[in-house]
Amino acid sequence: MAKIVAVDDESMTLDLITACLDRHEVTTASGVDEGLAAVKAARPDLVIVDYHMPGKDGTELVRDIRADAILKGTRIMMLTGDSRMQKVEESFGLGADDYLVKPFSSAVLRARVDALLAKPRA
């Protein structure tokens, strides 16, 4: 069982992630500040974060995690409804380990999460 923090401003997406990944310990947060606090408290194996959120967006959370000496090796998956290559490249450039476009299927989310969790931390 892995520890996962999911950060998204849409409660339906958080509910879907929690249901899809029910064999893991999933903590949810509805914004970047709440998400960073959850990441610091849980020291998760994986963070799943929405790219676009009101106020601070997911890229800021990725930057904060990568800048933290303790958290910088945390695996990160970005989620978004925006499939433009520019956003994909930007996410990887910030240090995201994977990028999943919404809407996604439960099977694809589980497979991508399993693949990320199988990789050693940086």
PDB file of N, CA and C in Angstrom:
ATOM      1  N   MET A   1       0.847  -1.180   0.000  1.00  0.00           N
ATOM      2  CA  MET A   1       0.000   0.000   0.000  1.00  0.00           C
ATOM      3  C   MET A   1       0.890   1.239   0.000  1.00  0.00           C
ATOM      4  N   ALA A   2       0.654   2.098  -0.957  1.00  0.00           N
ATOM      5  CA  ALA A   2       1.426   3.335  -1.073  1.00  0.00           C
ATOM      6  C   ALA A   2       0.638   4.498  -0.474  1.00  0.00           C
ATOM      7  N   LYS A   3       1.375   5.527  -0.070  1.00  0.00           N
ATOM      8  CA  LYS A   3       0.748   6.769   0.378  1.00  0.00           C
ATOM      9  C   LYS A   3       0.705   7.717  -0.812  1.00  0.00           C
ATOM     10  N   ILE A   4      -0.492   8.234  -1.098  1.00  0.00           N
ATOM     11  CA  ILE A   4      -0.697   9.126  -2.229  1.00  0.00           C
ATOM     12  C   ILE A   4      -1.423  10.370  -1.743  1.00  0.00           C
ATOM     13  N   VAL A   5      -0.976  11.536  -2.199  1.00  0.00           N
ATOM     14  CA  VAL A   5      -1.693  12.783  -1.959  1.00  0.00           C
ATOM     15  C   VAL A   5      -2.229  13.245  -3.306  1.00  0.00           C
ATOM     16  N   ALA A   6      -3.542  13.469  -3.379  1.00  0.00           N
ATOM     17  CA  ALA A   6      -4.196  13.961  -4.595  1.00  0.00           C
ATOM     18  C   ALA A   6      -4.662  15.386  -4.341  1.00  0.00           C
ATOM     19  N   VAL A   7      -4.297  16.290  -5.261  1.00  0.00           N
ATOM     20  CA  VAL A   7      -4.623  17.708  -5.104  1.00  0.00           C
ATOM     21  C   VAL A   7      -5.380  18.168  -6.342  1.00  0.00           C
ATOM     22  N   ASP A   8      -6.629  18.588  -6.151  1.00  0.00           N
ATOM     23  CA  ASP A   8      -7.470  19.037  -7.262  1.00  0.00           C
ATOM     24  C   ASP A   8      -8.574  19.904  -6.679  1.00  0.00           C
ATOM     25  N   ASP A   9      -8.970  20.940  -7.392  1.00  0.00           N
ATOM     26  CA  ASP A   9     -10.043  21.800  -6.914  1.00  0.00           C
ATOM     27  C   ASP A   9     -11.423  21.217  -7.203  1.00  0.00           C
ATOM     28  N   GLU A  10     -11.495  20.136  -7.953  1.00  0.00           N
ATOM     29  CA  GLU A  10     -12.773  19.498  -8.280  1.00  0.00           C
ATOM     30  C   GLU A  10     -12.972  18.273  -7.389  1.00  0.00           C
ATOM     31  N   SER A  11     -13.978  18.327  -6.530  1.00  0.00           N
ATOM     32  CA  SER A  11     -14.220  17.220  -5.594  1.00  0.00           C
ATOM     33  C   SER A  11     -14.560  15.924  -6.325  1.00  0.00           C
ATOM     34  N   MET A  12     -15.209  16.006  -7.485  1.00  0.00           N
ATOM     35  CA  MET A  12     -15.535  14.792  -8.238  1.00  0.00           C
ATOM     36  C   MET A  12     -14.266  14.076  -8.692  1.00  0.00           C
ATOM     37  N   THR A  13     -13.250  14.840  -9.094  1.00  0.00           N
ATOM     38  CA  THR A  13     -11.982  14.231  -9.509  1.00  0.00           C
ATOM     39  C   THR A  13     -11.301  13.582  -8.317  1.00  0.00           C
ATOM     40  N   LEU A  14     -11.313  14.254  -7.172  1.00  0.00           N
ATOM     41  CA  LEU A  14     -10.710  13.671  -5.968  1.00  0.00           C
ATOM     42  C   LEU A  14     -11.434  12.389  -5.560  1.00  0.00           C
ATOM     43  N   ASP A  15     -12.761  12.393  -5.663  1.00  0.00           N
ATOM     44  CA  ASP A  15     -13.540  11.188  -5.342  1.00  0.00           C
ATOM     45  C   ASP A  15     -13.191  10.052  -6.294  1.00  0.00           C
ATOM     46  N   LEU A  16     -13.041  10.370  -7.583  1.00  0.00           N
ATOM     47  CA  LEU A  16     -12.697   9.348  -8.572  1.00  0.00           C
ATOM     48  C   LEU A  16     -11.310   8.764  -8.291  1.00  0.00           C
ATOM     49  N   ILE A  17     -10.348   9.627  -8.015  1.00  0.00           N
ATOM     50  CA  ILE A  17      -8.990   9.162  -7.720  1.00  0.00           C
ATOM     51  C   ILE A  17      -9.004   8.261  -6.486  1.00  0.00           C
ATOM     52  N   THR A  18      -9.697   8.692  -5.448  1.00  0.00           N
ATOM     53  CA  THR A  18      -9.766   7.912  -4.219  1.00  0.00           C
ATOM     54  C   THR A  18     -10.400   6.546  -4.478  1.00  0.00           C
ATOM     55  N   ALA A  19     -11.478   6.515  -5.250  1.00  0.00           N
ATOM     56  CA  ALA A  19     -12.155   5.246  -5.555  1.00  0.00           C
ATOM     57  C   ALA A  19     -11.279   4.340  -6.417  1.00  0.00           C
ATOM     58  N   CYS A  20     -10.613   4.911  -7.408  1.00  0.00           N
ATOM     59  CA  CYS A  20      -9.760   4.125  -8.315  1.00  0.00           C
ATOM     60  C   CYS A  20      -8.554   3.534  -7.599  1.00  0.00           C
ATOM     61  N   LEU A  21      -8.051   4.271  -6.631  1.00  0.00           N
ATOM     62  CA  LEU A  21      -6.821   3.862  -5.952  1.00  0.00           C
ATOM     63  C   LEU A  21      -7.107   3.383  -4.531  1.00  0.00           C
ATOM     64  N   ASP A  22      -8.223   2.679  -4.359  1.00  0.00           N
ATOM     65  CA  ASP A  22      -8.677   2.288  -3.029  1.00  0.00           C
ATOM     66  C   ASP A  22      -7.757   1.301  -2.320  1.00  0.00           C
ATOM     67  N   ARG A  23      -6.824   0.705  -3.038  1.00  0.00           N
ATOM     68  CA  ARG A  23      -5.879  -0.203  -2.374  1.00  0.00           C
ATOM     69  C   ARG A  23      -4.695   0.560  -1.765  1.00  0.00           C
ATOM     70  N   HIS A  24      -4.686   1.867  -1.977  1.00  0.00           N
ATOM     71  CA  HIS A  24      -3.636   2.727  -1.423  1.00  0.00           C
ATOM     72  C   HIS A  24      -4.240   3.664  -0.378  1.00  0.00           C
ATOM     73  N   GLU A  25      -3.380   4.291   0.385  1.00  0.00           N
ATOM     74  CA  GLU A  25      -3.801   5.305   1.357  1.00  0.00           C
ATOM     75  C   GLU A  25      -3.778   6.660   0.644  1.00  0.00           C
ATOM     76  N   VAL A  26      -4.955   7.181   0.321  1.00  0.00           N
ATOM     77  CA  VAL A  26      -5.060   8.424  -0.445  1.00  0.00           C
ATOM     78  C   VAL A  26      -5.541   9.551   0.464  1.00  0.00           C
ATOM     79  N   THR A  27      -4.757  10.616   0.499  1.00  0.00           N
ATOM     80  CA  THR A  27      -5.128  11.844   1.196  1.00  0.00           C
ATOM     81  C   THR A  27      -5.465  12.866   0.128  1.00  0.00           C
ATOM     82  N   THR A  28      -6.544  13.625   0.314  1.00  0.00           N
ATOM     83  CA  THR A  28      -6.939  14.607  -0.693  1.00  0.00           C
ATOM     84  C   THR A  28      -6.795  16.025  -0.163  1.00  0.00           C
ATOM     85  N   ALA A  29      -6.585  16.939  -1.100  1.00  0.00           N
ATOM     86  CA  ALA A  29      -6.491  18.362  -0.791  1.00  0.00           C
ATOM     87  C   ALA A  29      -7.115  19.130  -1.945  1.00  0.00           C
ATOM     88  N   SER A  30      -7.758  20.256  -1.626  1.00  0.00           N
ATOM     89  CA  SER A  30      -8.478  20.992  -2.660  1.00  0.00           C
ATOM     90  C   SER A  30      -7.731  22.200  -3.216  1.00  0.00           C
ATOM     91  N   GLY A  31      -6.491  22.400  -2.812  1.00  0.00           N
ATOM     92  CA  GLY A  31      -5.709  23.517  -3.320  1.00  0.00           C
ATOM     93  C   GLY A  31      -4.234  23.314  -3.040  1.00  0.00           C
ATOM     94  N   VAL A  32      -3.425  24.184  -3.600  1.00  0.00           N
ATOM     95  CA  VAL A  32      -1.975  24.038  -3.520  1.00  0.00           C
ATOM     96  C   VAL A  32      -1.455  24.152  -2.083  1.00  0.00           C
ATOM     97  N   ASP A  33      -1.903  25.145  -1.346  1.00  0.00           N
ATOM     98  CA  ASP A  33      -1.408  25.317   0.024  1.00  0.00           C
ATOM     99  C   ASP A  33      -1.790  24.125   0.894  1.00  0.00           C
ATOM    100  N   GLU A  34      -3.046  23.691   0.792  1.00  0.00           N
ATOM    101  CA  GLU A  34      -3.502  22.515   1.536  1.00  0.00           C
ATOM    102  C   GLU A  34      -2.738  21.269   1.067  1.00  0.00           C
ATOM    103  N   GLY A  35      -2.488  21.198  -0.229  1.00  0.00           N
ATOM    104  CA  GLY A  35      -1.753  20.061  -0.785  1.00  0.00           C
ATOM    105  C   GLY A  35      -0.326  20.001  -0.281  1.00  0.00           C
ATOM    106  N   LEU A  36       0.359  21.139  -0.244  1.00  0.00           N
ATOM    107  CA  LEU A  36       1.740  21.154   0.241  1.00  0.00           C
ATOM    108  C   LEU A  36       1.787  20.740   1.711  1.00  0.00           C
ATOM    109  N   ALA A  37       0.838  21.211   2.506  1.00  0.00           N
ATOM    110  CA  ALA A  37       0.788  20.807   3.912  1.00  0.00           C
ATOM    111  C   ALA A  37       0.574  19.297   4.029  1.00  0.00           C
ATOM    112  N   ALA A  38      -0.297  18.747   3.184  1.00  0.00           N
ATOM    113  CA  ALA A  38      -0.554  17.296   3.206  1.00  0.00           C
ATOM    114  C   ALA A  38       0.682  16.513   2.783  1.00  0.00           C
ATOM    115  N   VAL A  39       1.402  17.016   1.784  1.00  0.00           N
ATOM    116  CA  VAL A  39       2.623  16.354   1.314  1.00  0.00           C
ATOM    117  C   VAL A  39       3.684  16.371   2.408  1.00  0.00           C
ATOM    118  N   LYS A  40       3.842  17.505   3.070  1.00  0.00           N
ATOM    119  CA  LYS A  40       4.828  17.594   4.146  1.00  0.00           C
ATOM    120  C   LYS A  40       4.471  16.674   5.309  1.00  0.00           C
ATOM    121  N   ALA A  41       3.179  16.554   5.607  1.00  0.00           N
ATOM    122  CA  ALA A  41       2.749  15.707   6.722  1.00  0.00           C
ATOM    123  C   ALA A  41       2.852  14.226   6.386  1.00  0.00           C
ATOM    124  N   ALA A  42       2.467  13.852   5.170  1.00  0.00           N
ATOM    125  CA  ALA A  42       2.389  12.431   4.805  1.00  0.00           C
ATOM    126  C   ALA A  42       3.678  11.874   4.227  1.00  0.00           C
ATOM    127  N   ARG A  43       4.495  12.749   3.628  1.00  0.00           N
ATOM    128  CA  ARG A  43       5.673  12.283   2.879  1.00  0.00           C
ATOM    129  C   ARG A  43       5.284  11.103   1.982  1.00  0.00           C
ATOM    130  N   PRO A  44       4.406  11.385   1.025  1.00  0.00           N
ATOM    131  CA  PRO A  44       3.818  10.317   0.220  1.00  0.00           C
ATOM    132  C   PRO A  44       4.790   9.715  -0.792  1.00  0.00           C
ATOM    133  N   ASP A  45       4.379   8.570  -1.315  1.00  0.00           N
ATOM    134  CA  ASP A  45       5.121   7.916  -2.392  1.00  0.00           C
ATOM    135  C   ASP A  45       4.824   8.583  -3.727  1.00  0.00           C
ATOM    136  N   LEU A  46       3.650   9.223  -3.829  1.00  0.00           N
ATOM    137  CA  LEU A  46       3.208   9.834  -5.074  1.00  0.00           C
ATOM    138  C   LEU A  46       2.289  11.002  -4.777  1.00  0.00           C
ATOM    139  N   VAL A  47       2.442  12.072  -5.551  1.00  0.00           N
ATOM    140  CA  VAL A  47       1.520  13.200  -5.519  1.00  0.00           C
ATOM    141  C   VAL A  47       0.862  13.276  -6.884  1.00  0.00           C
ATOM    142  N   ILE A  48      -0.459  13.343  -6.887  1.00  0.00           N
ATOM    143  CA  ILE A  48      -1.227  13.542  -8.117  1.00  0.00           C
ATOM    144  C   ILE A  48      -1.818  14.933  -8.005  1.00  0.00           C
ATOM    145  N   VAL A  49      -1.471  15.820  -8.936  1.00  0.00           N
ATOM    146  CA  VAL A  49      -1.881  17.220  -8.804  1.00  0.00           C
ATOM    147  C   VAL A  49      -2.449  17.744 -10.121  1.00  0.00           C
ATOM    148  N   ASP A  50      -3.551  18.472 -10.002  1.00  0.00           N
ATOM    149  CA  ASP A  50      -4.175  19.111 -11.157  1.00  0.00           C
ATOM    150  C   ASP A  50      -3.319  20.289 -11.599  1.00  0.00           C
ATOM    151  N   TYR A  51      -3.168  20.432 -12.883  1.00  0.00           N
ATOM    152  CA  TYR A  51      -2.379  21.533 -13.431  1.00  0.00           C
ATOM    153  C   TYR A  51      -3.069  22.872 -13.180  1.00  0.00           C
ATOM    154  N   HIS A  52      -4.352  22.957 -13.551  1.00  0.00           N
ATOM    155  CA  HIS A  52      -5.089  24.229 -13.472  1.00  0.00           C
ATOM    156  C   HIS A  52      -6.011  24.246 -12.261  1.00  0.00           C
ATOM    157  N   MET A  53      -5.738  25.168 -11.346  1.00  0.00           N
ATOM    158  CA  MET A  53      -6.599  25.392 -10.190  1.00  0.00           C
ATOM    159  C   MET A  53      -6.681  26.891  -9.958  1.00  0.00           C
ATOM    160  N   PRO A  54      -7.765  27.351  -9.345  1.00  0.00           N
ATOM    161  CA  PRO A  54      -7.861  28.784  -9.056  1.00  0.00           C
ATOM    162  C   PRO A  54      -6.764  29.228  -8.093  1.00  0.00           C
ATOM    163  N   GLY A  55      -6.339  30.458  -8.221  1.00  0.00           N
ATOM    164  CA  GLY A  55      -5.251  30.945  -7.361  1.00  0.00           C
ATOM    165  C   GLY A  55      -3.945  30.335  -7.808  1.00  0.00           C
ATOM    166  N   LYS A  56      -3.303  29.617  -6.919  1.00  0.00           N
ATOM    167  CA  LYS A  56      -2.058  28.927  -7.263  1.00  0.00           C
ATOM    168  C   LYS A  56      -2.398  27.682  -8.068  1.00  0.00           C
ATOM    169  N   ASP A  57      -1.604  27.404  -9.089  1.00  0.00           N
ATOM    170  CA  ASP A  57      -1.876  26.195  -9.868  1.00  0.00           C
ATOM    171  C   ASP A  57      -0.890  25.089  -9.505  1.00  0.00           C
ATOM    172  N   GLY A  58      -1.112  23.927 -10.109  1.00  0.00           N
ATOM    173  CA  GLY A  58      -0.321  22.751  -9.778  1.00  0.00           C
ATOM    174  C   GLY A  58       1.163  22.900 -10.039  1.00  0.00           C
ATOM    175  N   THR A  59       1.534  23.764 -10.987  1.00  0.00           N
ATOM    176  CA  THR A  59       2.961  23.944 -11.271  1.00  0.00           C
ATOM    177  C   THR A  59       3.689  24.510 -10.050  1.00  0.00           C
ATOM    178  N   GLU A  60       2.993  25.337  -9.283  1.00  0.00           N
ATOM    179  CA  GLU A  60       3.617  25.898  -8.085  1.00  0.00           C
ATOM    180  C   GLU A  60       3.860  24.812  -7.041  1.00  0.00           C
ATOM    181  N   LEU A  61       2.939  23.864  -6.947  1.00  0.00           N
ATOM    182  CA  LEU A  61       3.144  22.758  -6.012  1.00  0.00           C
ATOM    183  C   LEU A  61       4.327  21.899  -6.448  1.00  0.00           C
ATOM    184  N   VAL A  62       4.432  21.650  -7.742  1.00  0.00           N
ATOM    185  CA  VAL A  62       5.574  20.880  -8.242  1.00  0.00           C
ATOM    186  C   VAL A  62       6.873  21.600  -7.915  1.00  0.00           C
ATOM    187  N   ARG A  63       6.921  22.896  -8.147  1.00  0.00           N
ATOM    188  CA  ARG A  63       8.128  23.674  -7.821  1.00  0.00           C
ATOM    189  C   ARG A  63       8.463  23.595  -6.339  1.00  0.00           C
ATOM    190  N   ASP A  64       7.434  23.735  -5.493  1.00  0.00           N
ATOM    191  CA  ASP A  64       7.655  23.691  -4.043  1.00  0.00           C
ATOM    192  C   ASP A  64       8.209  22.330  -3.610  1.00  0.00           C
ATOM    193  N   ILE A  65       7.660  21.267  -4.169  1.00  0.00           N
ATOM    194  CA  ILE A  65       8.129  19.922  -3.810  1.00  0.00           C
ATOM    195  C   ILE A  65       9.569  19.720  -4.281  1.00  0.00           C
ATOM    196  N   ARG A  66       9.867  20.106  -5.511  1.00  0.00           N
ATOM    197  CA  ARG A  66      11.209  19.913  -6.054  1.00  0.00           C
ATOM    198  C   ARG A  66      12.243  20.789  -5.360  1.00  0.00           C
ATOM    199  N   ALA A  67      11.815  21.905  -4.762  1.00  0.00           N
ATOM    200  CA  ALA A  67      12.750  22.803  -4.069  1.00  0.00           C
ATOM    201  C   ALA A  67      13.009  22.377  -2.627  1.00  0.00           C
ATOM    202  N   ASP A  68      12.208  21.464  -2.109  1.00  0.00           N
ATOM    203  CA  ASP A  68      12.334  21.025  -0.723  1.00  0.00           C
ATOM    204  C   ASP A  68      13.322  19.862  -0.635  1.00  0.00           C
ATOM    205  N   ALA A  69      14.329  19.994   0.182  1.00  0.00           N
ATOM    206  CA  ALA A  69      15.384  18.968   0.282  1.00  0.00           C
ATOM    207  C   ALA A  69      14.844  17.603   0.689  1.00  0.00           C
ATOM    208  N   ILE A  70      13.826  17.583   1.511  1.00  0.00           N
ATOM    209  CA  ILE A  70      13.264  16.315   1.979  1.00  0.00           C
ATOM    210  C   ILE A  70      12.301  15.719   0.956  1.00  0.00           C
ATOM    211  N   LEU A  71      11.534  16.555   0.291  1.00  0.00           N
ATOM    212  CA  LEU A  71      10.463  16.088  -0.598  1.00  0.00           C
ATOM    213  C   LEU A  71      10.859  15.944  -2.056  1.00  0.00           C
ATOM    214  N   LYS A  72      12.011  16.474  -2.431  1.00  0.00           N
ATOM    215  CA  LYS A  72      12.341  16.597  -3.850  1.00  0.00           C
ATOM    216  C   LYS A  72      12.321  15.292  -4.641  1.00  0.00           C
ATOM    217  N   GLY A  73      12.464  14.144  -3.997  1.00  0.00           N
ATOM    218  CA  GLY A  73      12.431  12.864  -4.698  1.00  0.00           C
ATOM    219  C   GLY A  73      11.043  12.270  -4.842  1.00  0.00           C
ATOM    220  N   THR A  74      10.031  12.979  -4.379  1.00  0.00           N
ATOM    221  CA  THR A  74       8.654  12.489  -4.444  1.00  0.00           C
ATOM    222  C   THR A  74       8.192  12.384  -5.897  1.00  0.00           C
ATOM    223  N   ARG A  75       7.576  11.268  -6.234  1.00  0.00           N
ATOM    224  CA  ARG A  75       7.036  11.093  -7.587  1.00  0.00           C
ATOM    225  C   ARG A  75       5.811  11.990  -7.750  1.00  0.00           C
ATOM    226  N   ILE A  76       5.672  12.591  -8.942  1.00  0.00           N
ATOM    227  CA  ILE A  76       4.563  13.515  -9.194  1.00  0.00           C
ATOM    228  C   ILE A  76       3.915  13.204 -10.531  1.00  0.00           C
ATOM    229  N   MET A  77       2.574  13.112 -10.511  1.00  0.00           N
ATOM    230  CA  MET A  77       1.792  12.983 -11.736  1.00  0.00           C
ATOM    231  C   MET A  77       0.913  14.222 -11.860  1.00  0.00           C
ATOM    232  N   MET A  78       0.999  14.889 -12.998  1.00  0.00           N
ATOM    233  CA  MET A  78       0.143  16.041 -13.275  1.00  0.00           C
ATOM    234  C   MET A  78      -1.114  15.560 -13.989  1.00  0.00           C
ATOM    235  N   LEU A  79      -2.253  16.153 -13.642  1.00  0.00           N
ATOM    236  CA  LEU A  79      -3.528  15.906 -14.321  1.00  0.00           C
ATOM    237  C   LEU A  79      -4.010  17.204 -14.932  1.00  0.00           C
ATOM    238  N   THR A  80      -4.641  17.122 -16.085  1.00  0.00           N
ATOM    239  CA  THR A  80      -5.255  18.303 -16.652  1.00  0.00           C
ATOM    240  C   THR A  80      -6.162  17.944 -17.806  1.00  0.00           C
ATOM    241  N   GLY A  81      -7.063  18.842 -18.105  1.00  0.00           N
ATOM    242  CA  GLY A  81      -7.903  18.703 -19.286  1.00  0.00           C
ATOM    243  C   GLY A  81      -7.231  19.299 -20.504  1.00  0.00           C
ATOM    244  N   ASP A  82      -6.053  19.854 -20.333  1.00  0.00           N
ATOM    245  CA  ASP A  82      -5.323  20.534 -21.404  1.00  0.00           C
ATOM    246  C   ASP A  82      -4.257  19.604 -21.976  1.00  0.00           C
ATOM    247  N   SER A  83      -4.477  19.137 -23.193  1.00  0.00           N
ATOM    248  CA  SER A  83      -3.545  18.169 -23.791  1.00  0.00           C
ATOM    249  C   SER A  83      -2.520  18.813 -24.728  1.00  0.00           C
ATOM    250  N   ARG A  84      -2.446  20.143 -24.728  1.00  0.00           N
ATOM    251  CA  ARG A  84      -1.477  20.794 -25.617  1.00  0.00           C
ATOM    252  C   ARG A  84      -0.046  20.386 -25.246  1.00  0.00           C
ATOM    253  N   MET A  85       0.761  20.128 -26.235  1.00  0.00           N
ATOM    254  CA  MET A  85       2.138  19.670 -26.023  1.00  0.00           C
ATOM    255  C   MET A  85       2.929  20.653 -25.167  1.00  0.00           C
ATOM    256  N   GLN A  86       2.649  21.931 -25.279  1.00  0.00           N
ATOM    257  CA  GLN A  86       3.349  22.935 -24.481  1.00  0.00           C
ATOM    258  C   GLN A  86       3.159  22.666 -22.987  1.00  0.00           C
ATOM    259  N   LYS A  87       1.953  22.293 -22.568  1.00  0.00           N
ATOM    260  CA  LYS A  87       1.679  22.024 -21.164  1.00  0.00           C
ATOM    261  C   LYS A  87       2.367  20.739 -20.707  1.00  0.00           C
ATOM    262  N   VAL A  88       2.390  19.746 -21.584  1.00  0.00           N
ATOM    263  CA  VAL A  88       3.071  18.493 -21.272  1.00  0.00           C
ATOM    264  C   VAL A  88       4.562  18.766 -21.068  1.00  0.00           C
ATOM    265  N   GLU A  89       5.166  19.472 -21.999  1.00  0.00           N
ATOM    266  CA  GLU A  89       6.595  19.779 -21.914  1.00  0.00           C
ATOM    267  C   GLU A  89       6.909  20.617 -20.680  1.00  0.00           C
ATOM    268  N   GLU A  90       6.056  21.578 -20.381  1.00  0.00           N
ATOM    269  CA  GLU A  90       6.273  22.422 -19.202  1.00  0.00           C
ATOM    270  C   GLU A  90       6.219  21.578 -17.926  1.00  0.00           C
ATOM    271  N   SER A  91       5.270  20.662 -17.860  1.00  0.00           N
ATOM    272  CA  SER A  91       5.140  19.808 -16.677  1.00  0.00           C
ATOM    273  C   SER A  91       6.384  18.965 -16.462  1.00  0.00           C
ATOM    274  N   PHE A  92       6.863  18.340 -17.528  1.00  0.00           N
ATOM    275  CA  PHE A  92       8.076  17.531 -17.405  1.00  0.00           C
ATOM    276  C   PHE A  92       9.283  18.413 -17.091  1.00  0.00           C
ATOM    277  N   GLY A  93       9.323  19.610 -17.665  1.00  0.00           N
ATOM    278  CA  GLY A  93      10.421  20.536 -17.396  1.00  0.00           C
ATOM    279  C   GLY A  93      10.476  20.972 -15.942  1.00  0.00           C
ATOM    280  N   LEU A  94       9.320  21.034 -15.291  1.00  0.00           N
ATOM    281  CA  LEU A  94       9.263  21.392 -13.868  1.00  0.00           C
ATOM    282  C   LEU A  94       9.654  20.232 -12.961  1.00  0.00           C
ATOM    283  N   GLY A  95       9.614  19.031 -13.510  1.00  0.00           N
ATOM    284  CA  GLY A  95       9.988  17.874 -12.719  1.00  0.00           C
ATOM    285  C   GLY A  95       8.887  16.861 -12.497  1.00  0.00           C
ATOM    286  N   ALA A  96       7.760  17.000 -13.193  1.00  0.00           N
ATOM    287  CA  ALA A  96       6.713  15.983 -13.085  1.00  0.00           C
ATOM    288  C   ALA A  96       7.227  14.680 -13.689  1.00  0.00           C
ATOM    289  N   ASP A  97       6.791  13.569 -13.128  1.00  0.00           N
ATOM    290  CA  ASP A  97       7.207  12.256 -13.610  1.00  0.00           C
ATOM    291  C   ASP A  97       6.237  11.684 -14.631  1.00  0.00           C
ATOM    292  N   ASP A  98       5.006  12.173 -14.636  1.00  0.00           N
ATOM    293  CA  ASP A  98       4.000  11.698 -15.576  1.00  0.00           C
ATOM    294  C   ASP A  98       2.952  12.784 -15.754  1.00  0.00           C
ATOM    295  N   TYR A  99       2.148  12.646 -16.793  1.00  0.00           N
ATOM    296  CA  TYR A  99       1.144  13.638 -17.170  1.00  0.00           C
ATOM    297  C   TYR A  99      -0.044  12.876 -17.713  1.00  0.00           C
ATOM    298  N   LEU A 100      -1.213  13.056 -17.123  1.00  0.00           N
ATOM    299  CA  LEU A 100      -2.404  12.335 -17.537  1.00  0.00           C
ATOM    300  C   LEU A 100      -3.505  13.333 -17.869  1.00  0.00           C
ATOM    301  N   VAL A 101      -4.094  13.177 -19.054  1.00  0.00           N
ATOM    302  CA  VAL A 101      -5.126  14.096 -19.521  1.00  0.00           C
ATOM    303  C   VAL A 101      -6.499  13.617 -19.047  1.00  0.00           C
ATOM    304  N   LYS A 102      -7.287  14.551 -18.519  1.00  0.00           N
ATOM    305  CA  LYS A 102      -8.679  14.287 -18.142  1.00  0.00           C
ATOM    306  C   LYS A 102      -9.551  14.389 -19.391  1.00  0.00           C
ATOM    307  N   PRO A 103     -10.597  13.662 -19.508  1.00  0.00           N
ATOM    308  CA  PRO A 103     -11.002  12.587 -18.616  1.00  0.00           C
ATOM    309  C   PRO A 103     -10.126  11.359 -18.848  1.00  0.00           C
ATOM    310  N   PHE A 104      -9.964  10.579 -17.807  1.00  0.00           N
ATOM    311  CA  PHE A 104      -9.140   9.374 -17.887  1.00  0.00           C
ATOM    312  C   PHE A 104      -9.965   8.194 -17.371  1.00  0.00           C
ATOM    313  N   SER A 105      -9.579   7.017 -17.786  1.00  0.00           N
ATOM    314  CA  SER A 105     -10.275   5.827 -17.300  1.00  0.00           C
ATOM    315  C   SER A 105      -9.627   5.357 -16.004  1.00  0.00           C
ATOM    316  N   SER A 106     -10.393   4.656 -15.211  1.00  0.00           N
ATOM    317  CA  SER A 106      -9.881   4.100 -13.958  1.00  0.00           C
ATOM    318  C   SER A 106      -8.704   3.165 -14.219  1.00  0.00           C
ATOM    319  N   ALA A 107      -8.836   2.346 -15.259  1.00  0.00           N
ATOM    320  CA  ALA A 107      -7.784   1.376 -15.574  1.00  0.00           C
ATOM    321  C   ALA A 107      -6.484   2.076 -15.950  1.00  0.00           C
ATOM    322  N   VAL A 108      -6.572   3.153 -16.716  1.00  0.00           N
ATOM    323  CA  VAL A 108      -5.362   3.888 -17.121  1.00  0.00           C
ATOM    324  C   VAL A 108      -4.734   4.562 -15.909  1.00  0.00           C
ATOM    325  N   LEU A 109      -5.541   5.164 -15.051  1.00  0.00           N
ATOM    326  CA  LEU A 109      -4.988   5.793 -13.846  1.00  0.00           C
ATOM    327  C   LEU A 109      -4.268   4.758 -12.988  1.00  0.00           C
ATOM    328  N   ARG A 110      -4.905   3.625 -12.740  1.00  0.00           N
ATOM    329  CA  ARG A 110      -4.264   2.590 -11.921  1.00  0.00           C
ATOM    330  C   ARG A 110      -2.958   2.104 -12.553  1.00  0.00           C
ATOM    331  N   ALA A 111      -2.978   1.889 -13.868  1.00  0.00           N
ATOM    332  CA  ALA A 111      -1.768   1.400 -14.548  1.00  0.00           C
ATOM    333  C   ALA A 111      -0.641   2.418 -14.470  1.00  0.00           C
ATOM    334  N   ARG A 112      -0.951   3.685 -14.671  1.00  0.00           N
ATOM    335  CA  ARG A 112       0.084   4.716 -14.627  1.00  0.00           C
ATOM    336  C   ARG A 112       0.620   4.889 -13.207  1.00  0.00           C
ATOM    337  N   VAL A 113      -0.269   4.831 -12.221  1.00  0.00           N
ATOM    338  CA  VAL A 113       0.163   4.932 -10.828  1.00  0.00           C
ATOM    339  C   VAL A 113       1.054   3.742 -10.481  1.00  0.00           C
ATOM    340  N   ASP A 114       0.644   2.542 -10.860  1.00  0.00           N
ATOM    341  CA  ASP A 114       1.463   1.353 -10.588  1.00  0.00           C
ATOM    342  C   ASP A 114       2.846   1.475 -11.225  1.00  0.00           C
ATOM    343  N   ALA A 115       2.893   1.977 -12.453  1.00  0.00           N
ATOM    344  CA  ALA A 115       4.182   2.138 -13.147  1.00  0.00           C
ATOM    345  C   ALA A 115       5.060   3.149 -12.419  1.00  0.00           C
ATOM    346  N   LEU A 116       4.482   4.256 -11.982  1.00  0.00           N
ATOM    347  CA  LEU A 116       5.270   5.260 -11.253  1.00  0.00           C
ATOM    348  C   LEU A 116       5.766   4.715  -9.921  1.00  0.00           C
ATOM    349  N   LEU A 117       4.909   4.005  -9.223  1.00  0.00           N
ATOM    350  CA  LEU A 117       5.308   3.475  -7.922  1.00  0.00           C
ATOM    351  C   LEU A 117       6.379   2.396  -8.041  1.00  0.00           C
ATOM    352  N   ALA A 118       6.455   1.743  -9.190  1.00  0.00           N
ATOM    353  CA  ALA A 118       7.467   0.705  -9.409  1.00  0.00           C
ATOM    354  C   ALA A 118       8.848   1.310  -9.654  1.00  0.00           C
ATOM    355  N   LYS A 119       8.900   2.566 -10.062  1.00  0.00           N
ATOM    356  CA  LYS A 119      10.184   3.238 -10.323  1.00  0.00           C
ATOM    357  C   LYS A 119      10.809   3.680  -9.021  1.00  0.00           C
ATOM    358  N   PRO A 120      12.127   3.591  -8.927  1.00  0.00           N
ATOM    359  CA  PRO A 120      12.786   4.090  -7.705  1.00  0.00           C
ATOM    360  C   PRO A 120      12.649   5.605  -7.614  1.00  0.00           C
ATOM    361  N   ARG A 121      12.628   6.095  -6.383  1.00  0.00           N
ATOM    362  CA  ARG A 121      12.582   7.559  -6.185  1.00  0.00           C
ATOM    363  C   ARG A 121      13.881   8.173  -6.646  1.00  0.00           C
ATOM    364  N   ALA A 122      13.793   9.411  -7.070  1.00  0.00           N
ATOM    365  CA  ALA A 122      14.998  10.124  -7.537  1.00  0.00           C
ATOM    366  C   ALA A 122      15.914  10.437  -6.382  1.00  0.00           C
TER     367      ALA A 122
END
